[in-house]
Amino acid sequence: MKVRTVQITLPYPPSVNTYWRSIRTGKLAGRVLVSEKGREYQAAVGKAVKRAKLGKPLTTRLAVDVLVYPPDRRARDLDNVLKALLDSCQKAAVFVNDSQIDTLLIERRWPVPDGRVELRISEVVA
């Protein structure tokens, strides 16, 4: 059995604090939706995935390594990177659902202009 691994570099995601927005008025009041900033990030991830030609979505159990290169030296919660990143990868059909992830390793690296995230996603063989 061949184990598939995909690698991709993506833009730095918005914080989970800005990825969502709460609707307070109107017929959607009380709902939480992806914000405009979140939708823009999803579109950017979709374009990057399309350019990378990753092939069909991964359908098995997964191990994900995330290298985070922030855009500056400000203090940031590393776990705030994950939600927008993984949801956008799911939407871009890198994998079927982020519930497939059994192992998740995230590591902060040095700042780079505009920031970026490097992903390595591997199928887990049982």
Protein backbone atom coordinates (compact mmCIF):
# COMPACT_ATOMS: atom_id res chain seq x y z
CA MET A 1 0.00 0.00 0.00
CA LYS A 2 1.35 3.40 -0.99
CA VAL A 3 1.08 6.11 1.65
CA ARG A 4 0.24 9.50 0.21
CA THR A 5 1.78 12.69 1.57
CA VAL A 6 0.97 16.19 0.39
CA GLN A 7 2.91 19.35 1.13
CA ILE A 8 1.68 22.86 0.57
CA THR A 9 2.55 26.41 1.60
CA LEU A 10 -0.43 28.60 2.47
CA PRO A 11 -0.95 32.20 3.51
CA TYR A 12 -0.94 33.04 7.20
CA PRO A 13 -4.51 32.60 8.49
CA PRO A 14 -6.62 35.10 10.35
CA SER A 15 -6.98 34.52 14.06
CA VAL A 16 -9.94 32.47 15.18
CA ASN A 17 -11.04 35.71 16.87
CA THR A 18 -11.55 37.35 13.45
CA TYR A 19 -12.49 34.25 11.44
CA TRP A 20 -16.05 34.17 12.79
CA ARG A 21 -18.69 36.86 13.23
CA SER A 22 -21.86 36.81 15.30
CA ILE A 23 -25.06 38.09 13.71
CA ARG A 24 -26.97 40.19 16.23
CA THR A 25 -29.91 41.52 14.22
CA GLY A 26 -32.24 40.45 11.44
CA LYS A 27 -33.43 37.00 10.46
CA LEU A 28 -29.95 35.51 11.00
CA ALA A 29 -29.65 36.89 14.53
CA GLY A 30 -27.99 34.47 16.91
CA ARG A 31 -26.04 32.66 14.19
CA VAL A 32 -22.28 32.57 13.91
CA LEU A 33 -20.90 32.77 10.37
CA VAL A 34 -17.51 32.89 8.70
CA SER A 35 -16.51 36.57 8.48
CA GLU A 36 -15.55 38.39 5.30
CA LYS A 37 -11.90 38.06 6.35
CA GLY A 38 -12.48 34.32 6.84
CA ARG A 39 -14.09 33.93 3.41
CA GLU A 40 -11.18 35.79 1.82
CA TYR A 41 -8.77 33.40 3.51
CA GLN A 42 -10.79 30.38 2.34
CA ALA A 43 -10.61 31.71 -1.23
CA ALA A 44 -6.83 32.24 -0.97
CA VAL A 45 -6.36 28.68 0.31
CA GLY A 46 -8.57 27.37 -2.49
CA LYS A 47 -6.40 29.12 -5.09
CA ALA A 48 -3.18 27.83 -3.52
CA VAL A 49 -4.52 24.26 -3.42
CA LYS A 50 -5.63 24.50 -7.05
CA ARG A 51 -2.17 25.78 -8.10
CA ALA A 52 -0.49 22.96 -6.16
CA LYS A 53 -2.51 20.30 -8.04
CA LEU A 54 -2.75 18.03 -5.00
CA GLY A 55 -5.16 15.62 -6.63
CA LYS A 56 -8.15 13.98 -4.99
CA PRO A 57 -8.98 14.75 -1.36
CA LEU A 58 -7.31 12.53 1.23
CA THR A 59 -9.89 10.11 2.65
CA THR A 60 -7.98 8.10 5.26
CA ARG A 61 -6.79 8.89 8.80
CA LEU A 62 -4.20 11.68 8.74
CA ALA A 63 -1.10 13.05 10.45
CA VAL A 64 -0.60 16.79 9.97
CA ASP A 65 2.58 18.79 10.59
CA VAL A 66 2.13 22.57 10.63
CA LEU A 67 5.04 25.01 10.51
CA VAL A 68 3.85 28.53 11.32
CA TYR A 69 5.87 31.52 10.16
CA PRO A 70 4.10 34.55 11.70
CA PRO A 71 4.09 37.93 9.94
CA ASP A 72 5.78 39.71 12.85
CA ARG A 73 7.07 39.25 16.40
CA ARG A 74 3.83 40.13 18.21
CA ALA A 75 2.68 37.67 20.85
CA ARG A 76 0.13 35.27 19.32
CA ASP A 77 -1.68 32.18 20.54
CA LEU A 78 -0.43 29.40 18.32
CA ASP A 79 -3.66 27.42 18.59
CA ASN A 80 -5.59 30.35 17.04
CA VAL A 81 -3.97 29.49 13.70
CA LEU A 82 -5.52 26.05 13.44
CA LYS A 83 -9.27 26.58 13.05
CA ALA A 84 -9.18 28.85 9.99
CA LEU A 85 -6.34 26.81 8.48
CA LEU A 86 -7.96 23.38 8.83
CA ASP A 87 -11.47 24.54 7.94
CA SER A 88 -10.12 26.22 4.80
CA CYS A 89 -8.18 23.09 3.82
CA GLN A 90 -11.36 21.06 4.21
CA LYS A 91 -13.31 23.56 2.09
CA ALA A 92 -10.56 23.41 -0.56
CA ALA A 93 -10.85 19.58 -0.62
CA VAL A 94 -7.36 18.79 0.67
CA PHE A 95 -9.11 16.22 2.87
CA VAL A 96 -12.76 15.30 3.36
CA ASN A 97 -13.12 16.39 6.98
CA ASP A 98 -10.72 17.62 9.64
CA SER A 99 -12.07 14.89 11.92
CA GLN A 100 -9.76 12.55 9.94
CA ILE A 101 -6.75 14.05 11.73
CA ASP A 102 -5.32 11.73 14.37
CA THR A 103 -1.96 13.45 14.86
CA LEU A 104 -1.49 17.21 14.76
CA LEU A 105 1.89 18.83 15.35
CA ILE A 106 2.21 22.60 15.24
CA GLU A 107 5.47 24.49 15.53
CA ARG A 108 6.14 28.24 15.53
CA ARG A 109 9.08 29.36 13.43
CA TRP A 110 10.62 32.80 12.79
CA PRO A 111 8.66 35.75 11.39
CA VAL A 112 8.59 36.31 7.62
CA PRO A 113 6.97 39.16 5.68
CA ASP A 114 3.18 38.58 5.44
CA GLY A 115 3.58 35.25 7.29
CA ARG A 116 2.93 31.78 5.91
CA VAL A 117 2.07 28.26 6.97
CA GLU A 118 3.72 25.11 5.63
CA LEU A 119 1.69 21.91 5.85
CA ARG A 120 2.71 18.29 5.47
CA ILE A 121 -0.24 15.94 5.53
CA SER A 122 0.34 12.20 5.49
CA GLU A 123 -1.99 9.26 5.43
CA VAL A 124 -1.83 7.09 8.54
CA VAL A 125 -1.48 3.39 7.85
CA ALA A 126 -3.20 1.21 10.43
